[in-house]
Protein backbone atom coordinates (compact mmCIF):
# COMPACT_ATOMS: atom_id res chain seq x y z
CA MET A 1 33.86 38.08 168.14
CA ASN A 2 35.38 39.04 165.06
CA LYS A 3 35.46 42.88 164.02
CA ILE A 4 33.94 44.03 161.38
CA PHE A 5 35.47 46.32 158.62
CA ALA A 6 34.14 48.41 155.31
CA LEU A 7 36.80 49.99 152.96
CA VAL A 8 35.34 52.15 151.19
CA ASP A 9 37.02 53.29 147.47
CA CYS A 10 36.63 55.70 145.09
CA ASP A 11 35.84 54.25 141.92
CA ASN A 12 38.44 55.72 139.32
CA PHE A 13 39.00 58.60 141.26
CA TYR A 14 41.05 61.18 139.20
CA ALA A 15 38.23 60.78 136.82
CA SER A 16 35.62 61.00 138.77
CA CYS A 17 36.86 64.25 140.15
CA GLU A 18 37.00 65.99 137.05
CA ARG A 19 33.50 64.51 136.10
CA ALA A 20 32.18 65.96 139.18
CA PHE A 21 32.15 69.37 137.98
CA ASN A 22 31.66 68.70 134.12
CA PRO A 23 28.11 66.74 133.51
CA SER A 24 29.34 66.61 129.75
CA LEU A 25 31.85 64.09 130.92
CA ALA A 26 29.12 61.82 132.33
CA ASN A 27 29.47 59.00 129.39
CA ARG A 28 32.44 60.39 127.37
CA PRO A 29 36.04 58.76 128.15
CA VAL A 30 38.55 60.44 130.63
CA ILE A 31 42.26 60.16 131.06
CA VAL A 32 44.02 61.79 133.05
CA LEU A 33 48.24 62.58 132.38
CA SER A 34 51.51 62.67 134.97
CA ASN A 35 53.71 65.45 135.76
CA ASN A 36 54.51 67.30 132.07
CA ASP A 37 51.34 65.57 130.77
CA GLY A 38 53.75 62.10 129.81
CA CYS A 39 52.06 59.11 131.14
CA VAL A 40 48.65 57.79 131.66
CA ILE A 41 47.79 57.46 135.00
CA ALA A 42 43.85 57.50 135.72
CA ARG A 43 41.37 55.95 133.01
CA SER A 44 37.30 56.23 133.42
CA ASN A 45 36.01 52.68 132.95
CA GLU A 46 35.29 53.32 128.91
CA VAL A 47 38.90 53.80 128.32
CA LYS A 48 39.63 50.69 130.63
CA GLN A 49 37.87 48.51 128.41
CA MET A 50 39.68 50.37 125.34
CA LYS A 51 42.78 48.08 127.06
CA VAL A 52 44.66 51.41 127.42
CA PRO A 53 47.18 50.66 130.28
CA LEU A 54 48.21 52.35 133.04
CA GLY A 55 51.64 54.01 131.91
CA GLU A 56 51.10 54.55 129.18
CA PRO A 57 52.78 57.16 127.27
CA TYR A 58 50.51 59.73 125.70
CA PHE A 59 51.77 60.12 122.68
CA LYS A 60 51.39 56.72 122.25
CA CYS A 61 47.67 56.86 122.18
CA ARG A 62 46.70 60.18 120.37
CA ASP A 63 45.31 58.37 117.62
CA LEU A 64 43.19 56.40 120.25
CA VAL A 65 42.09 59.61 121.70
CA GLU A 66 41.42 61.82 118.68
CA LYS A 67 38.88 58.41 117.57
CA HIS A 68 36.88 58.07 120.64
CA ASN A 69 37.17 61.47 121.62
CA ILE A 70 38.34 60.88 124.91
CA ALA A 71 38.81 63.92 127.36
CA VAL A 72 42.27 64.37 128.40
CA PHE A 73 43.60 66.24 131.64
CA SER A 74 46.43 67.16 133.48
CA SER A 75 47.48 66.26 136.90
CA ASN A 76 45.24 68.93 139.72
CA TYR A 77 46.74 67.64 142.17
CA GLU A 78 44.82 70.65 144.29
CA LEU A 79 41.40 69.38 142.98
CA TYR A 80 42.33 66.16 143.98
CA GLY A 81 43.79 66.90 147.75
CA ASP A 82 40.30 68.87 148.19
CA MET A 83 38.40 66.06 146.95
CA SER A 84 39.56 63.25 149.18
CA ARG A 85 39.48 65.52 151.95
CA ARG A 86 35.42 66.14 152.05
CA VAL A 87 35.16 62.19 150.83
CA MET A 88 36.77 61.38 154.19
CA GLU A 89 35.31 63.83 155.81
CA ILE A 90 32.02 62.61 155.09
CA LEU A 91 33.28 58.96 155.87
CA ALA A 92 34.05 60.30 159.56
CA GLY A 93 30.68 60.63 159.88
CA PHE A 94 29.63 57.44 159.46
CA ALA A 95 32.04 55.05 162.08
CA LEU A 96 33.78 55.10 165.92
CA ASP A 97 37.22 55.19 163.40
CA ILE A 98 38.60 55.34 160.04
CA GLU A 99 41.91 55.14 158.79
CA ILE A 100 42.83 57.00 155.97
CA TYR A 101 44.43 54.37 153.77
CA SER A 102 45.20 56.88 150.54
CA ILE A 103 44.21 59.67 148.98
CA ASP A 104 40.92 57.47 147.76
CA GLU A 105 40.77 54.76 149.88
CA ALA A 106 39.25 54.63 153.79
CA PHE A 107 39.08 51.61 156.19
CA LEU A 108 35.72 51.88 158.31
CA GLU A 109 35.20 50.04 161.55
CA LEU A 110 31.63 49.18 161.67
CA ASP A 111 31.74 47.01 165.11
CA GLY A 112 29.06 49.18 166.86
CA PHE A 113 26.32 49.24 163.48
CA ARG A 114 26.00 44.96 164.11
CA HIS A 115 22.27 45.31 164.83
CA GLN A 116 22.12 47.24 161.51
CA ASN A 117 21.69 45.80 158.00
CA LEU A 118 25.14 46.31 157.04
CA ASP A 119 24.80 46.40 153.75
CA GLU A 120 21.94 49.08 153.67
CA TYR A 121 24.54 51.00 156.01
CA ALA A 122 26.94 50.72 153.28
CA ALA A 123 24.66 52.04 150.66
CA GLU A 124 23.41 54.57 152.84
CA ILE A 125 27.41 55.59 152.84
CA ARG A 126 27.47 55.63 149.16
CA ARG A 127 24.99 57.90 148.88
CA TYR A 128 25.76 60.58 150.96
CA VAL A 129 28.93 60.49 149.65
CA LEU A 130 28.13 60.77 145.98
CA GLN A 131 25.18 63.61 147.09
CA GLY A 132 28.26 65.10 149.22
CA THR A 133 30.90 65.33 146.33
CA GLY A 134 29.76 63.89 143.26
CA LEU A 135 32.08 60.85 143.47
CA PRO A 136 30.98 57.50 143.38
CA VAL A 137 32.34 55.04 145.39
CA THR A 138 32.55 50.83 145.86
CA ILE A 139 32.13 49.36 149.59
CA GLY A 140 33.59 45.87 150.57
CA ILE A 141 32.38 45.22 154.05
CA GLY A 142 35.02 41.54 156.08
CA SER A 143 35.55 40.09 158.90
CA SER A 144 39.21 41.72 158.39
CA LYS A 145 40.81 44.21 156.71
CA THR A 146 42.13 41.68 154.24
CA LEU A 147 38.50 40.17 153.30
CA ALA A 148 37.22 44.30 153.29
CA LYS A 149 39.81 44.06 150.46
CA VAL A 150 38.98 40.90 148.85
CA ALA A 151 34.78 42.11 148.95
CA SER A 152 35.57 45.87 147.26
CA LYS A 153 37.40 43.58 144.15
CA TYR A 154 34.58 41.40 144.25
CA ALA A 155 32.20 44.60 144.00
CA LYS A 156 33.72 46.31 141.42
CA LYS A 157 34.08 43.50 138.93
CA ASN A 158 30.32 42.48 139.33
CA ARG A 159 28.37 45.63 139.31
CA GLN A 160 25.17 43.70 140.14
CA SER A 161 26.37 43.71 143.20
CA GLY A 162 25.25 47.86 143.55
CA ALA A 163 29.13 48.60 144.14
CA VAL A 164 28.42 47.09 147.79
CA PHE A 165 29.05 44.00 148.81
CA ASN A 166 29.46 42.11 151.93
CA ILE A 167 31.21 38.98 152.46
CA VAL A 168 30.94 38.27 156.42
CA ASN A 169 28.05 36.03 156.14
CA HIS A 170 28.28 35.16 152.50
CA PRO A 171 27.72 31.06 152.51
CA ASP A 172 30.47 30.17 149.99
CA ILE A 173 33.80 32.41 150.80
CA ASP A 174 36.08 29.80 149.02
CA HIS A 175 34.22 29.88 145.64
CA LEU A 176 34.88 34.06 145.80
CA LEU A 177 38.80 33.66 147.02
CA GLU A 178 39.06 31.02 144.24
CA GLY A 179 38.44 33.66 141.89
CA ILE A 180 40.94 36.20 143.66
CA PRO A 181 44.60 35.47 141.85
CA VAL A 182 47.70 35.45 144.15
CA GLU A 183 49.29 38.94 143.32
CA ASP A 184 45.58 40.81 143.97
CA ILE A 185 45.84 39.60 147.15
CA TRP A 186 46.67 42.98 149.78
CA GLY A 187 49.56 42.19 150.75
CA VAL A 188 51.51 39.95 148.05
CA GLY A 189 54.08 41.57 146.46
CA ARG A 190 55.80 40.65 143.06
CA GLN A 191 58.36 38.42 144.44
CA TYR A 192 55.76 36.84 147.13
CA ASP A 193 53.50 35.99 143.52
CA LYS A 194 56.31 34.24 141.82
CA PHE A 195 57.19 32.72 145.06
CA LEU A 196 53.52 31.09 145.54
CA ARG A 197 53.10 30.10 142.19
CA ARG A 198 56.11 28.22 142.34
CA HIS A 199 54.90 26.35 145.00
CA GLY A 200 51.47 25.78 143.32
CA ILE A 201 49.51 28.69 145.34
CA GLU A 202 47.90 30.56 142.33
CA ASN A 203 44.76 31.83 144.38
CA ALA A 204 43.50 33.31 147.55
CA ARG A 205 41.26 30.19 148.82
CA GLN A 206 44.67 28.16 148.14
CA LEU A 207 46.71 30.36 150.43
CA LYS A 208 43.82 30.64 152.66
CA TYR A 209 44.58 26.69 153.47
CA ALA A 210 48.32 26.65 153.67
CA GLN A 211 50.18 25.36 156.88
CA ASP A 212 50.96 27.95 158.98
CA LYS A 213 54.32 26.42 159.87
CA TRP A 214 55.03 26.67 155.82
CA VAL A 215 54.05 30.71 155.56
CA LYS A 216 55.85 31.63 158.69
CA LYS A 217 59.19 30.15 157.26
CA HIS A 218 58.99 31.39 153.98
CA MET A 219 57.14 34.64 154.45
CA THR A 220 57.79 35.63 158.07
CA VAL A 221 54.87 36.88 160.42
CA VAL A 222 53.60 39.03 158.12
CA GLY A 223 52.67 36.11 155.70
CA LEU A 224 51.02 34.56 157.99
CA ARG A 225 48.90 37.14 159.32
CA THR A 226 47.70 37.95 156.08
CA VAL A 227 46.34 33.99 155.68
CA TRP A 228 44.89 34.42 158.70
CA GLU A 229 42.83 37.41 157.91
CA LEU A 230 41.63 35.55 154.89
CA ARG A 231 40.80 32.53 157.67
CA GLY A 232 38.04 35.83 158.85
CA LYS A 233 40.81 36.70 161.66
CA SER A 234 41.38 40.06 162.22
CA CYS A 235 45.02 40.60 162.51
CA LEU A 236 45.37 44.24 161.54
CA GLU A 237 43.88 47.12 163.59
CA LEU A 238 43.11 50.12 162.18
CA ASP A 239 46.13 52.60 161.73
CA GLN A 240 44.51 56.05 162.70
CA ALA A 241 47.67 58.06 163.46
CA PRO A 242 50.39 56.63 160.78
CA ALA A 243 54.31 56.99 162.08
CA PRO A 244 56.13 60.29 160.60
CA LYS A 245 57.59 59.36 157.36
CA LYS A 246 61.66 58.05 157.77
CA GLY A 247 62.47 60.02 154.37
CA ILE A 248 60.67 62.98 152.69
CA CYS A 249 61.52 63.52 148.55
CA THR A 250 60.44 66.56 146.77
CA SER A 251 61.43 66.08 142.82
CA ARG A 252 59.88 66.92 139.91
CA SER A 253 61.10 67.16 135.75
CA PHE A 254 61.07 70.38 134.77
CA GLY A 255 58.70 71.41 131.95
CA ARG A 256 61.59 72.19 129.83
CA PRO A 257 64.93 71.62 130.42
CA ILE A 258 67.03 73.64 132.27
CA GLU A 259 70.14 75.55 130.83
CA THR A 260 71.43 77.73 133.49
CA LEU A 261 72.32 78.09 137.19
CA ALA A 262 70.10 80.89 138.28
CA GLU A 263 67.12 78.18 137.22
CA MET A 264 68.51 75.56 138.93
CA ARG A 265 68.79 77.51 141.87
CA GLU A 266 65.27 78.89 141.95
CA ALA A 267 64.08 75.12 141.22
CA ILE A 268 66.30 73.56 143.98
CA ALA A 269 64.78 76.63 146.08
CA GLU A 270 60.85 75.56 145.54
CA TYR A 271 61.85 71.85 146.39
CA ALA A 272 63.16 72.56 149.36
CA SER A 273 60.30 74.71 150.33
CA ARG A 274 58.44 71.85 149.91
CA ALA A 275 60.37 69.76 151.28
CA ALA A 276 60.44 71.74 154.27
CA GLU A 277 56.41 72.42 154.11
CA LYS A 278 55.92 68.64 154.32
CA CYS A 279 58.30 68.31 158.00
CA ARG A 280 55.88 70.65 159.45
CA GLN A 281 53.14 68.90 158.78
CA GLN A 282 54.72 66.31 160.38
CA HIS A 283 55.89 68.02 163.16
CA SER A 284 59.22 66.26 162.18
CA ALA A 285 62.95 67.70 161.51
CA ALA A 286 65.57 66.85 159.15
CA SER A 287 69.05 66.14 160.15
CA ILE A 288 70.52 65.29 156.59
CA MET A 289 69.87 66.46 153.12
CA GLN A 290 70.76 64.98 149.85
CA VAL A 291 70.59 67.47 146.94
CA PHE A 292 70.72 65.39 143.14
CA LEU A 293 70.16 66.63 139.62
CA THR A 294 70.18 64.79 136.43
CA THR A 295 69.58 65.32 132.69
CA ASN A 296 67.07 62.95 130.41
CA ARG A 297 69.11 59.89 130.13
CA PHE A 298 66.41 58.91 127.15
CA LYS A 299 67.91 61.36 124.92
CA GLU A 300 71.07 61.25 123.00
CA GLU A 301 73.01 64.33 123.91
CA PRO A 302 75.90 64.52 127.05
CA GLN A 303 74.60 63.15 129.85
CA TYR A 304 75.47 63.86 134.19
CA PHE A 305 73.87 62.77 137.10
CA ASN A 306 75.63 64.31 140.66
CA CYS A 307 74.00 64.15 143.79
CA ILE A 308 75.32 65.98 147.04
CA GLN A 309 74.99 64.71 150.91
CA ILE A 310 74.91 67.66 153.54
CA VAL A 311 74.58 67.08 157.19
CA LEU A 312 72.85 69.25 158.72
CA PRO A 313 74.37 71.42 162.04
CA THR A 314 71.06 70.69 163.94
CA PRO A 315 67.72 69.14 162.80
CA THR A 316 65.14 71.69 161.17
CA ASN A 317 62.26 72.45 159.24
CA ASP A 318 62.87 75.67 158.58
CA THR A 319 62.30 76.68 155.40
CA LEU A 320 64.92 79.62 155.22
CA GLU A 321 67.29 77.32 156.17
CA LEU A 322 66.68 74.53 154.31
CA VAL A 323 66.37 76.18 151.25
CA ARG A 324 70.17 78.06 151.60
CA TYR A 325 71.71 74.87 152.57
CA ALA A 326 69.92 73.33 148.71
CA CYS A 327 71.23 76.51 147.56
CA ARG A 328 74.84 75.51 148.38
CA GLY A 329 74.53 71.85 147.52
CA ILE A 330 73.51 72.39 143.57
CA GLU A 331 76.02 75.41 143.25
CA LYS A 332 78.84 72.46 144.26
CA ILE A 333 77.32 69.92 141.60
CA TYR A 334 75.85 72.03 139.14
CA ARG A 335 77.72 71.88 136.02
CA PRO A 336 77.39 74.24 132.75
CA ASN A 337 76.50 73.19 129.25
CA TYR A 338 73.84 70.07 129.97
CA HIS A 339 70.30 70.13 129.63
CA TYR A 340 68.98 69.07 132.94
CA LYS A 341 65.49 67.21 133.14
CA LYS A 342 65.18 66.97 136.56
CA ALA A 343 66.21 67.47 140.11
CA GLY A 344 64.97 67.37 143.82
CA ILE A 345 65.43 67.19 147.49
CA PHE A 346 65.71 64.14 150.06
CA LEU A 347 65.58 65.24 153.55
CA THR A 348 66.97 62.25 155.79
CA ASP A 349 67.53 61.53 159.39
CA ILE A 350 63.95 62.18 160.75
CA VAL A 351 63.40 63.27 164.21
CA ASP A 352 60.28 64.97 166.47
CA SER A 353 60.54 68.39 166.27
CA ASP A 354 59.53 68.63 169.60
CA ASN A 355 63.19 66.47 170.49
CA ILE A 356 65.49 68.13 168.91
CA GLN A 357 69.24 67.41 170.42
CA LEU A 358 71.08 71.13 170.15
CA ASN A 359 74.13 72.10 169.03
CA LEU A 360 76.60 74.26 171.19
CA PHE A 361 78.17 75.75 167.99
CA ASP A 362 74.42 76.50 166.40
CA ASN A 363 75.78 79.64 164.20
CA TYR A 364 71.73 80.16 163.03
CA PRO A 365 70.79 83.37 165.46
CA TYR A 366 67.47 83.79 164.65
CA ARG A 367 66.24 80.13 165.18
CA GLU A 368 63.30 81.32 167.44
CA LYS A 369 61.72 83.72 165.07
CA SER A 370 62.09 81.68 162.16
CA GLN A 371 60.07 79.37 163.87
CA LYS A 372 57.66 81.59 164.51
CA LEU A 373 57.74 83.05 161.00
CA MET A 374 56.91 79.48 159.88
CA ARG A 375 53.64 78.67 161.56
CA VAL A 376 52.89 82.00 160.16
CA MET A 377 53.67 81.47 156.52
CA ASP A 378 52.10 77.99 157.00
CA GLN A 379 48.86 79.50 158.52
CA LEU A 380 48.44 81.50 155.43
CA ASN A 381 49.18 79.40 152.43
CA SER A 382 46.70 77.22 154.24
CA ARG A 383 44.14 80.00 154.48
CA TYR A 384 44.63 81.53 151.43
CA GLY A 385 46.19 78.77 149.02
CA SER A 386 49.63 77.17 148.38
CA LYS A 387 52.04 79.03 147.44
CA THR A 388 50.68 82.51 148.63
CA VAL A 389 53.65 83.03 150.68
CA GLN A 390 56.98 81.76 149.46
CA VAL A 391 60.55 82.33 149.80
CA ALA A 392 62.06 84.69 146.91
CA ALA A 393 64.52 82.70 146.17
CA ALA A 394 61.92 79.97 144.31
CA GLY A 395 61.26 83.06 141.61
CA THR A 396 58.41 84.56 140.07
CA ARG A 397 58.13 83.51 136.24
CA LYS A 398 59.13 80.05 136.65
CA GLU A 399 59.33 78.84 133.29
CA TRP A 400 61.30 75.56 134.40
CA ALA A 401 57.99 74.48 135.78
CA MET A 402 55.88 71.65 135.35
CA GLN A 403 53.72 71.63 132.37
CA ARG A 404 50.08 70.87 132.50
CA ASN A 405 48.73 72.45 129.94
CA MET A 406 45.54 70.72 130.04
CA LYS A 407 44.42 71.21 133.71
CA SER A 408 40.81 72.10 134.90
CA ASN A 409 40.10 74.88 137.16
CA ASN A 410 40.90 74.75 141.02
CA PHE A 411 36.83 74.72 141.46
CA THR A 412 36.83 73.58 144.99
CA THR A 413 40.22 75.78 146.04
CA ASN A 414 40.57 79.17 144.23
CA TRP A 415 37.60 81.62 144.35
CA ASN A 416 38.60 82.53 141.00
CA GLU A 417 37.75 79.46 139.77
CA ILE A 418 34.96 78.61 141.11
CA LEU A 419 31.85 77.04 139.36
CA ILE A 420 29.23 80.22 138.25
CA VAL A 421 25.89 78.83 137.69
CA LYS A 422 23.90 81.19 135.74
CA ALA A 423 19.86 81.14 135.80
């Protein structure tokens, strides 16, 4: 018996999060900008109809913003992350198994709900999410994860479907697949798109009926699984416990160019702290650290880029230890008289923190005590908000920090910014 999957996808997630707390934005076009308010990274449907592309530099669309009274927001990652958590908690109550695929998407396995009308059940899920968070979602239902993706795309393009589309028992699936360009198929990247088009395969229906032997030869077993998924055979199970990342990067462009070593040390200390937190969140430790910095290559001024790799004596996720090594590294590659635009930390050779190979010559005497300190620090930051407790090396003023001049309030994570309803 084939399985049944539902893909729940939040509509225009970042823009919808802004609208959820500001009713005046209900029918007003909305865009959300990237770090330092540089480029468009999220658009409401109204902005999409204006043909504003993703990645469009903000300065290029200022005239359009004024002409159409577009609401513009800086990225509010704290808000978006918490709203995502709330959506996923609601979805977890509607299925036995759930895979959180991204910040705004999740797969649900609905095998145990075959006796119900799946269209009505999906509509009920949609109502609960909207009532609990104020966010609209689109739901696609299919006998494989790939077909659930196809159903979700169809539901988004055809709003008369009520934002729910069930492809499981559709009388003419092939006709629907004809309308899906090959580049829109889940798992088909840019290079495979070019390759398939060269061989006359331009849509999902044509790929569905491609010969298995030919597909396996040219697209490997992974491509063959995609073809089988298009035929309704489930090959991809829910990933309920994603594998730990093999590399952890923390990097940001500065709000303004950094010109002093003191500020650069502050920035790299903050990035090392965040990288250490990411390590601890997935119960990992890093064996190698890379520290890099660069100027702005788009400006006509002296350019400089450098990177240093540091092999850590013992794999660690200790904030204090990683900050110490990061500051040493940045001091070695920093050069004065440059305007630095960006810096970052990249942790590699990731291992399980519970299975660290000890070093006989480890010269860090406070490792056990420091682990307890890290647990307390993580607990406080989790309870009272990010950066409630942080290392002094990261500074306090942070005039170099990322600019978010149009950021909305942290409505759900900061008591001082919570909405107040007046009678």
